[in-house]
């Protein structure tokens, strides 16, 4: 497959002010490094580089970088910066690619099919890992890794090591072979909301006890608040008789 071609111009001036001038002229500043060669400050056309980044291979697109001095080399984007408000491409970091050497890249995971655990058991497919790291030659980088989930039942996972067979010998997975890529989980049990009247009765004390307490407190209060009755004084005649 023919690599896309991107034109670039080497610039001698570097720094923030130089990069600002490049943007004002409608271009994108970038830096090229790697493969044991010197780092170069570049000016690129935004339309060409965005077309490569939005292709099927995305960040893993290897393109032919044509410099205006006549040199060219295969390269790929390592990192790009965008304006957080306008979304405009601001800067690119690129590296030279040696086509005869293996490199590590991240590739997206795409699930295919409908799991039996979802269709029959009512479970939920949960994708745990959406990007995996691989190691291979630049010409062997896949656009994505497809994972068939048709046979998955509730509680059954697909792990990183399960993907190696479908990739062949030219592509090696990097990471823990036991890491879960996706699995089917049981739906969470729904909590039944209690009926308002029942909840009120369950949380309240029996009415009889409340009345009893109120009655006891009322009687106690009446006993404390009542004045003691005065004893009747004996009449004078009775007092004399006793004497």
Protein backbone atom coordinates (compact mmCIF):
# COMPACT_ATOMS: atom_id res chain seq x y z
CA UNK A 1 0.00 0.00 0.00
CA UNK A 2 1.37 3.40 -0.95
CA UNK A 3 2.07 5.75 1.90
CA UNK A 4 0.43 9.18 1.91
CA UNK A 5 2.79 12.08 1.10
CA UNK A 6 3.12 15.15 3.29
CA UNK A 7 5.19 18.19 2.31
CA UNK A 8 7.23 20.10 4.86
CA UNK A 9 9.71 22.95 4.91
CA UNK A 10 12.68 23.17 7.27
CA UNK A 11 12.77 26.40 9.27
CA UNK A 12 15.78 27.78 11.08
CA UNK A 13 13.99 29.84 13.70
CA UNK A 14 12.53 28.11 16.77
CA UNK A 15 10.63 29.09 19.88
CA UNK A 16 7.16 30.35 20.70
CA UNK A 17 7.38 33.52 18.64
CA UNK A 18 8.53 31.62 15.57
CA UNK A 19 5.73 29.07 15.97
CA UNK A 20 3.19 31.91 16.33
CA UNK A 21 4.34 33.43 13.05
CA UNK A 22 3.94 30.05 11.31
CA UNK A 23 0.35 29.77 12.57
CA UNK A 24 -0.49 33.32 11.48
CA UNK A 25 0.64 32.36 7.98
CA UNK A 26 -1.89 29.49 7.98
CA UNK A 27 0.57 26.63 8.53
CA UNK A 28 1.36 24.22 11.37
CA UNK A 29 4.73 24.18 13.20
CA UNK A 30 6.25 20.80 13.94
CA UNK A 31 9.36 18.97 15.07
CA UNK A 32 10.90 15.85 13.51
CA UNK A 33 13.33 13.64 15.43
CA UNK A 34 14.52 10.04 15.82
CA UNK A 35 16.47 7.37 13.89
CA UNK A 36 19.75 8.82 15.12
CA UNK A 37 19.43 11.98 13.02
CA UNK A 38 19.29 15.59 14.14
CA UNK A 39 16.05 17.22 15.23
CA UNK A 40 14.44 19.50 12.66
CA UNK A 41 11.91 22.32 13.06
CA UNK A 42 9.34 22.12 10.27
CA UNK A 43 6.45 23.99 8.71
CA UNK A 44 3.58 21.83 7.39
CA UNK A 45 0.32 22.25 5.52
CA UNK A 46 -2.58 21.53 7.95
CA UNK A 47 -4.83 19.93 5.30
CA UNK A 48 -2.34 17.17 4.48
CA UNK A 49 -1.52 16.24 8.06
CA UNK A 50 -5.17 16.27 9.20
CA UNK A 51 -6.11 13.98 6.31
CA UNK A 52 -3.52 11.47 7.56
CA UNK A 53 -4.65 11.73 11.19
CA UNK A 54 -8.31 11.22 10.23
CA UNK A 55 -7.64 8.16 8.07
CA UNK A 56 -8.43 4.57 9.16
CA UNK A 57 -5.01 4.09 10.74
CA UNK A 58 -5.18 7.43 12.59
CA UNK A 59 -2.13 8.11 14.74
CA UNK A 60 -0.47 4.96 13.44
CA UNK A 61 -0.43 6.28 9.87
CA UNK A 62 3.06 6.10 8.39
CA UNK A 63 3.51 8.78 5.74
CA UNK A 64 6.28 9.90 3.43
CA UNK A 65 7.57 13.23 4.66
CA UNK A 66 8.92 15.20 1.70
CA UNK A 67 11.22 18.09 2.62
CA UNK A 68 11.71 21.02 0.25
CA UNK A 69 15.48 20.51 0.31
CA UNK A 70 14.93 17.23 -1.57
CA UNK A 71 15.18 14.82 1.36
CA UNK A 72 12.36 12.45 2.35
CA UNK A 73 11.75 9.86 5.03
CA UNK A 74 8.93 7.72 6.42
CA UNK A 75 7.50 9.27 9.59
CA UNK A 76 4.53 9.18 11.92
CA UNK A 77 2.90 11.56 14.39
CA UNK A 78 3.83 11.03 18.03
CA UNK A 79 1.80 13.84 19.55
CA UNK A 80 -0.32 16.77 18.39
CA UNK A 81 -1.67 19.81 20.20
CA UNK A 82 -5.01 21.51 19.53
CA UNK A 83 -6.53 24.80 20.56
CA UNK A 84 -8.91 23.87 23.43
CA UNK A 85 -11.55 26.38 22.29
CA UNK A 86 -11.38 26.46 18.48
CA UNK A 87 -10.05 22.91 17.99
CA UNK A 88 -7.38 24.18 15.59
CA UNK A 89 -4.20 22.12 15.15
CA UNK A 90 -1.36 24.02 16.86
CA UNK A 91 1.75 21.81 16.84
CA UNK A 92 3.06 18.38 15.83
CA UNK A 93 5.75 16.07 17.18
CA UNK A 94 6.86 13.51 14.58
CA UNK A 95 9.45 10.75 14.51
CA UNK A 96 11.35 9.11 11.70
CA UNK A 97 10.49 5.46 11.14
CA UNK A 98 12.96 2.71 10.28
CA UNK A 99 10.87 0.35 8.16
CA UNK A 100 13.04 -2.67 9.02
CA UNK A 101 12.74 -2.25 12.80
CA UNK A 102 9.86 -3.21 15.08
CA UNK A 103 8.11 -0.46 17.00
CA UNK A 104 5.46 -0.24 19.69
CA UNK A 105 2.11 1.40 19.02
CA UNK A 106 -1.35 1.44 20.59
CA UNK A 107 -4.24 -0.03 18.58
CA UNK A 108 -7.97 0.36 19.33
CA UNK A 109 -10.17 -2.61 20.34
CA UNK A 110 -13.47 -3.05 18.47
CA UNK A 111 -16.00 -5.67 19.64
CA UNK A 112 -18.15 -7.50 17.08
CA UNK A 113 -21.34 -9.54 17.42
CA UNK A 114 -23.84 -9.79 20.28
CA UNK A 115 -22.93 -11.81 23.35
CA UNK A 116 -25.25 -14.66 24.36
CA UNK A 117 -25.01 -13.41 27.93
CA UNK A 118 -26.64 -10.18 26.75
CA UNK A 119 -29.17 -11.65 24.33
CA UNK A 120 -30.27 -14.69 26.39
CA UNK A 121 -29.37 -13.90 30.01
CA UNK A 122 -30.03 -10.17 30.01
CA UNK A 123 -26.48 -9.27 31.02
CA UNK A 124 -24.40 -6.24 30.07
CA UNK A 125 -21.26 -6.30 27.91
CA UNK A 126 -18.54 -4.26 29.62
CA UNK A 127 -15.45 -3.28 27.61
CA UNK A 128 -12.63 -2.82 30.14
CA UNK A 129 -9.72 -2.12 27.75
CA UNK A 130 -10.20 -0.04 24.60
CA UNK A 131 -6.55 0.30 23.54
CA UNK A 132 -3.85 -2.38 23.53
CA UNK A 133 -0.15 -2.01 22.90
CA UNK A 134 1.49 -4.13 20.22
CA UNK A 135 4.98 -4.58 18.78
CA UNK A 136 5.57 -5.21 15.07
CA UNK A 137 7.17 -3.89 11.90
CA UNK A 138 5.68 -0.61 10.60
CA UNK A 139 4.18 -2.37 7.58
CA UNK A 140 2.29 -4.84 9.84
CA UNK A 141 0.45 -2.33 12.06
CA UNK A 142 -3.28 -3.14 12.03
CA UNK A 143 -5.86 -0.35 11.96
CA UNK A 144 -7.73 -2.04 14.82
CA UNK A 145 -8.13 -5.37 16.60
CA UNK A 146 -11.57 -6.95 16.32
CA UNK A 147 -12.84 -9.06 19.23
CA UNK A 148 -15.80 -11.41 18.62
CA UNK A 149 -18.01 -11.59 21.73
CA UNK A 150 -20.85 -13.81 20.39
CA UNK A 151 -20.19 -16.79 22.73
CA UNK A 152 -19.70 -14.83 25.94
CA UNK A 153 -22.04 -15.71 28.81
CA UNK A 154 -22.42 -13.88 32.13
CA UNK A 155 -19.20 -14.11 34.11
CA UNK A 156 -17.05 -15.06 31.10
CA UNK A 157 -14.19 -12.70 30.09
CA UNK A 158 -11.94 -12.29 27.06
CA UNK A 159 -8.37 -11.64 28.15
CA UNK A 160 -5.40 -10.05 26.40
CA UNK A 161 -3.75 -13.43 25.85
CA UNK A 162 -6.84 -14.65 23.97
CA UNK A 163 -6.17 -12.14 21.17
CA UNK A 164 -2.73 -13.37 20.18
CA UNK A 165 -4.01 -16.27 18.06
CA UNK A 166 -5.92 -13.94 15.76
CA UNK A 167 -2.93 -11.62 15.27
CA UNK A 168 -0.47 -14.22 13.98
CA UNK A 169 3.28 -14.34 14.52
CA UNK A 170 4.17 -10.96 13.04
CA UNK A 171 2.36 -8.95 15.71
CA UNK A 172 3.11 -9.37 19.43
CA UNK A 173 0.90 -8.13 22.24
CA UNK A 174 2.57 -6.15 25.03
CA UNK A 175 1.21 -6.38 28.58
CA UNK A 176 -0.30 -8.80 31.08
CA UNK A 177 -1.85 -11.77 29.25
CA UNK A 178 -4.47 -12.09 32.04
CA UNK A 179 -5.70 -8.50 31.68
CA UNK A 180 -9.43 -8.42 30.93
CA UNK A 181 -10.42 -6.92 27.57
CA UNK A 182 -14.19 -7.34 28.00
CA UNK A 183 -16.72 -9.47 29.89
CA UNK A 184 -20.45 -9.88 30.42
CA UNK A 185 -21.74 -8.85 33.84
CA UNK A 186 -25.10 -9.46 35.48
CA UNK A 187 -27.40 -6.42 35.67
CA UNK A 188 -27.50 -4.69 39.04
CA UNK A 189 -30.47 -5.69 41.21
CA UNK A 190 -33.12 -2.98 41.34
CA UNK A 191 -34.07 -1.72 44.78
CA UNK A 192 -37.80 -1.78 45.45
CA UNK A 193 -38.95 1.54 46.91
CA UNK A 194 -41.05 1.05 50.10
CA UNK A 195 -44.66 2.24 50.11
CA UNK A 196 -44.94 5.59 51.86
CA UNK A 197 -47.54 4.44 54.41
CA UNK A 198 -45.63 1.28 55.28
CA UNK A 199 -42.36 3.16 55.66
CA UNK A 200 -44.03 5.65 58.00
CA UNK A 201 -45.51 2.89 60.13
CA UNK A 202 -42.24 1.00 60.22
CA UNK A 203 -40.27 4.03 61.36
CA UNK A 204 -42.78 5.30 63.95
CA UNK A 205 -43.21 4.06 67.52
CA UNK A 206 -46.54 2.49 68.45
CA UNK A 207 -49.12 5.08 69.26
CA UNK A 208 -50.01 3.34 72.55
CA UNK A 209 -46.50 3.82 73.92
CA UNK A 210 -46.50 7.50 73.02
CA UNK A 211 -49.79 8.02 74.77
CA UNK A 212 -48.61 6.08 77.78
CA UNK A 213 -45.51 8.19 78.11
CA UNK A 214 -47.46 11.36 77.66
CA UNK A 215 -49.98 10.18 80.29
CA UNK A 216 -47.31 9.31 82.80
CA UNK A 217 -45.55 12.62 82.28
CA UNK A 218 -48.86 14.44 82.59
CA UNK A 219 -49.71 12.70 85.85
CA UNK A 220 -46.28 13.35 87.21
CA UNK A 221 -46.48 16.99 86.20
CA UNK A 222 -49.93 17.32 87.82
CA UNK A 223 -48.66 15.72 91.00
CA UNK A 224 -45.65 18.04 91.13
CA UNK A 225 -47.61 21.13 90.21
CA UNK A 226 -50.56 20.56 92.61
CA UNK A 227 -50.53 22.30 96.03
CA UNK A 228 -50.86 20.03 99.11
CA UNK A 229 -54.17 20.23 100.85
CA UNK A 230 -54.13 21.96 104.25
CA UNK A 231 -55.17 19.87 107.27
CA UNK A 232 -58.26 21.15 108.99
CA UNK A 233 -57.56 22.79 112.36
CA UNK A 234 -59.35 21.16 115.27
CA UNK A 235 -62.05 23.23 116.84
CA UNK A 236 -61.45 24.82 120.21
CA UNK A 237 -63.78 22.50 121.96
CA UNK A 238 -62.04 19.38 120.76
CA UNK A 239 -58.67 20.73 121.79
CA UNK A 240 -59.86 21.32 125.37
CA UNK A 241 -61.29 17.85 125.65
CA UNK A 242 -57.98 16.30 124.73
CA UNK A 243 -56.19 18.35 127.21
